[in-house]
Amino acid sequence: MSEAGRSPEPWQTTSSRMIVADRWIRLRADECVDAAGRTISPYYVLEPSEWISLLAVDVDGNAILVEEYRHGAGVIALGTIGGAVDTGEEPRDAATRELLEETGYVAAEVIDLGATWANFGNQTNRVHHFLAVGCTRVADQTLDDGELITVRVLPVAGLGERLQQSYHQLTWYKALPHL
């Protein structure tokens, strides 16, 4: 039992309205009532696509990473390969596609490391974590409009300390037993 004597219960959504819906983002405002009868309004919920985060390792045992500008934080950051899962696409297929598009590499094997919620406080999507091993470069990058990505091949040792994004770090930690 909680301090107030009640166990958590799901809120009831009494109304919902879409604030923004375009190719980049879906944002809705919900009006909710909690188990104690209190109104929570507006409660903003982001509805992004499912994401993938893939740690790639080449045939020599080095990590294949991407470095790009991240406008929300205003930083150029090193990270795992990632991107949105397209409508109707399986997360594993998205991981394989993003690896090829962002780096020009393909994997001998892709290992599913499970999924976690991106931010279950106000987002509806999950991050699907993968490890790609035995990667070899077969093509040039085929980047989306607006992407400028530098591929970095670095030693795997100590990599977790160099990753700044939380779900990139989580992918690293989930991959450790397989490395």
Protein backbone atom coordinates (compact mmCIF):
# COMPACT_ATOMS: atom_id res chain seq x y z
CA MET A 1 0.00 0.00 0.00
CA SER A 2 1.13 3.51 -0.71
CA GLU A 3 1.52 6.20 1.90
CA ALA A 4 -2.01 7.44 1.19
CA GLY A 5 -3.40 3.91 1.62
CA ARG A 6 -4.15 3.33 -2.05
CA SER A 7 -2.48 1.23 -4.68
CA PRO A 8 -1.78 2.85 -8.05
CA GLU A 9 -4.56 2.51 -10.60
CA PRO A 10 -4.76 3.55 -14.26
CA TRP A 11 -6.16 7.01 -14.92
CA GLN A 12 -9.40 7.34 -16.84
CA THR A 13 -9.12 9.47 -19.98
CA THR A 14 -12.26 11.58 -20.28
CA SER A 15 -11.24 13.41 -23.46
CA SER A 16 -8.34 13.66 -25.83
CA ARG A 17 -7.45 16.11 -28.58
CA MET A 18 -4.64 16.06 -31.13
CA ILE A 19 -2.44 19.14 -30.86
CA VAL A 20 0.02 18.37 -33.68
CA ALA A 21 0.08 15.53 -36.19
CA ASP A 22 2.59 15.65 -39.01
CA ARG A 23 5.41 13.53 -40.42
CA TRP A 24 7.67 14.39 -37.46
CA ILE A 25 5.47 14.23 -34.39
CA ARG A 26 2.08 13.41 -32.97
CA LEU A 27 1.22 15.23 -29.75
CA ARG A 28 -2.08 14.90 -27.96
CA ALA A 29 -3.55 16.53 -24.85
CA ASP A 30 -5.56 14.21 -22.60
CA GLU A 31 -7.92 15.14 -19.82
CA CYS A 32 -7.65 12.46 -17.16
CA VAL A 33 -9.11 11.59 -13.79
CA ASP A 34 -6.96 9.65 -11.33
CA ALA A 35 -8.12 7.03 -8.77
CA ALA A 36 -8.53 9.76 -6.14
CA GLY A 37 -10.91 11.66 -8.43
CA ARG A 38 -8.47 14.44 -9.25
CA THR A 39 -8.47 15.92 -12.76
CA ILE A 40 -5.13 16.00 -14.56
CA SER A 41 -5.43 18.26 -17.58
CA PRO A 42 -3.86 18.78 -19.94
CA TYR A 43 -1.60 15.76 -19.82
CA TYR A 44 0.55 15.81 -22.95
CA VAL A 45 1.39 12.52 -24.64
CA LEU A 46 3.86 12.10 -27.51
CA GLU A 47 3.03 9.34 -30.01
CA PRO A 48 6.30 8.71 -31.89
CA SER A 49 7.03 5.62 -33.95
CA GLU A 50 8.73 2.65 -32.35
CA TRP A 51 12.54 3.12 -32.46
CA ILE A 52 15.50 0.83 -32.88
CA SER A 53 18.92 1.12 -31.29
CA LEU A 54 21.57 -1.16 -32.74
CA LEU A 55 25.12 -1.69 -31.57
CA ALA A 56 27.11 -2.95 -34.55
CA VAL A 57 30.42 -4.82 -34.29
CA ASP A 58 32.60 -5.46 -37.32
CA VAL A 59 34.47 -8.66 -38.20
CA ASP A 60 37.55 -7.34 -36.35
CA GLY A 61 35.58 -6.81 -33.13
CA ASN A 62 35.36 -3.01 -33.35
CA ALA A 63 32.17 -1.03 -32.75
CA ILE A 64 30.58 0.75 -35.69
CA LEU A 65 29.00 3.95 -34.41
CA VAL A 66 27.44 7.07 -35.82
CA GLU A 67 28.18 10.68 -34.97
CA GLU A 68 25.59 13.33 -35.74
CA TYR A 69 24.12 16.59 -34.58
CA ARG A 70 21.21 16.24 -32.12
CA HIS A 71 19.22 19.46 -32.19
CA GLY A 72 17.15 18.90 -29.02
CA ALA A 73 20.31 18.92 -26.90
CA GLY A 74 22.33 21.05 -29.33
CA VAL A 75 25.21 18.55 -29.34
CA ILE A 76 27.19 16.48 -31.79
CA ALA A 77 27.01 13.03 -30.27
CA LEU A 78 28.42 9.57 -30.78
CA GLY A 79 25.79 6.86 -30.68
CA THR A 80 24.43 3.55 -31.75
CA ILE A 81 22.71 3.15 -35.10
CA GLY A 82 19.07 4.09 -34.75
CA GLY A 83 15.88 5.23 -36.30
CA ALA A 84 12.15 4.80 -36.56
CA VAL A 85 10.37 1.56 -37.33
CA ASP A 86 8.23 2.24 -40.39
CA THR A 87 4.52 1.41 -40.34
CA GLY A 88 4.11 -2.33 -40.95
CA GLU A 89 7.85 -2.98 -40.57
CA GLU A 90 9.27 -5.44 -38.04
CA PRO A 91 11.81 -3.90 -35.62
CA ARG A 92 14.53 -6.41 -36.71
CA ASP A 93 13.99 -5.38 -40.34
CA ALA A 94 14.23 -1.71 -39.35
CA ALA A 95 17.51 -2.43 -37.54
CA THR A 96 18.96 -4.15 -40.62
CA ARG A 97 17.75 -1.32 -42.87
CA GLU A 98 19.13 1.44 -40.62
CA LEU A 99 22.51 -0.32 -40.35
CA LEU A 100 22.85 -0.37 -44.14
CA GLU A 101 21.46 3.14 -44.70
CA GLU A 102 23.46 4.91 -41.99
CA THR A 103 26.76 3.03 -42.32
CA GLY A 104 26.85 0.92 -45.50
CA TYR A 105 27.41 -2.22 -43.38
CA VAL A 106 25.53 -5.51 -43.24
CA ALA A 107 25.64 -8.01 -40.38
CA ALA A 108 26.32 -11.74 -40.36
CA GLU A 109 23.91 -11.98 -37.40
CA VAL A 110 21.44 -9.65 -35.67
CA ILE A 111 20.64 -10.48 -32.04
CA ASP A 112 17.40 -9.20 -30.49
CA LEU A 113 18.17 -7.73 -27.05
CA GLY A 114 14.56 -6.91 -26.15
CA ALA A 115 12.58 -3.69 -25.96
CA THR A 116 12.17 -0.96 -23.35
CA TRP A 117 9.81 2.00 -23.12
CA ALA A 118 11.41 5.16 -24.54
CA ASN A 119 9.85 7.27 -21.77
CA PHE A 120 6.67 5.75 -20.41
CA GLY A 121 5.79 8.91 -18.50
CA ASN A 122 4.60 10.68 -21.63
CA GLN A 123 5.51 8.65 -24.74
CA THR A 124 3.71 5.70 -26.30
CA ASN A 125 6.67 4.06 -28.04
CA ARG A 126 9.37 1.56 -27.20
CA VAL A 127 13.04 1.27 -28.15
CA HIS A 128 13.95 -2.11 -29.64
CA HIS A 129 17.58 -2.98 -28.83
CA PHE A 130 19.75 -5.08 -31.15
CA LEU A 131 23.33 -6.24 -31.50
CA ALA A 132 24.70 -6.78 -35.01
CA VAL A 133 27.86 -8.91 -35.20
CA GLY A 134 30.21 -9.86 -38.01
CA CYS A 135 29.50 -6.63 -39.88
CA THR A 136 31.18 -5.86 -43.18
CA ARG A 137 30.94 -2.74 -45.32
CA VAL A 138 29.19 -3.42 -48.62
CA ALA A 139 27.93 0.00 -49.78
CA ASP A 140 28.02 3.74 -49.31
CA GLN A 141 25.62 5.43 -46.92
CA THR A 142 22.13 6.22 -48.22
CA LEU A 143 21.04 8.91 -45.79
CA ASP A 144 17.61 10.48 -45.42
CA ASP A 145 17.13 14.16 -46.24
CA GLY A 146 18.41 16.19 -43.32
CA GLU A 147 20.86 13.53 -42.11
CA LEU A 148 24.60 14.18 -41.97
CA ILE A 149 26.20 11.17 -40.28
CA THR A 150 29.86 10.33 -39.80
CA VAL A 151 30.64 6.65 -39.26
CA ARG A 152 33.16 5.96 -36.50
CA VAL A 153 34.84 2.58 -36.00
CA LEU A 154 36.17 2.39 -32.45
CA PRO A 155 37.33 -0.24 -29.97
CA VAL A 156 34.50 -1.87 -28.04
CA ALA A 157 36.39 -1.58 -24.73
CA GLY A 158 35.09 1.34 -22.67
CA LEU A 159 32.43 2.22 -25.21
CA GLY A 160 29.64 2.53 -22.64
CA GLU A 161 31.41 5.51 -21.10
CA ARG A 162 31.47 7.34 -24.44
CA LEU A 163 27.76 7.05 -25.20
CA GLN A 164 25.76 10.07 -24.02
CA GLN A 165 22.19 9.01 -24.78
CA SER A 166 20.50 6.79 -22.18
CA TYR A 167 19.00 4.25 -24.56
CA HIS A 168 22.33 3.97 -26.44
CA GLN A 169 23.96 3.12 -23.10
CA LEU A 170 21.21 0.61 -22.39
CA THR A 171 21.80 -1.08 -25.76
CA TRP A 172 25.50 -1.31 -24.87
CA TYR A 173 24.76 -2.87 -21.46
CA LYS A 174 22.21 -5.30 -22.92
CA ALA A 175 24.82 -6.35 -25.54
CA LEU A 176 27.67 -6.94 -23.05
CA PRO A 177 26.90 -10.63 -22.36
CA HIS A 178 27.13 -11.28 -26.13
CA LEU A 179 30.44 -9.48 -26.69
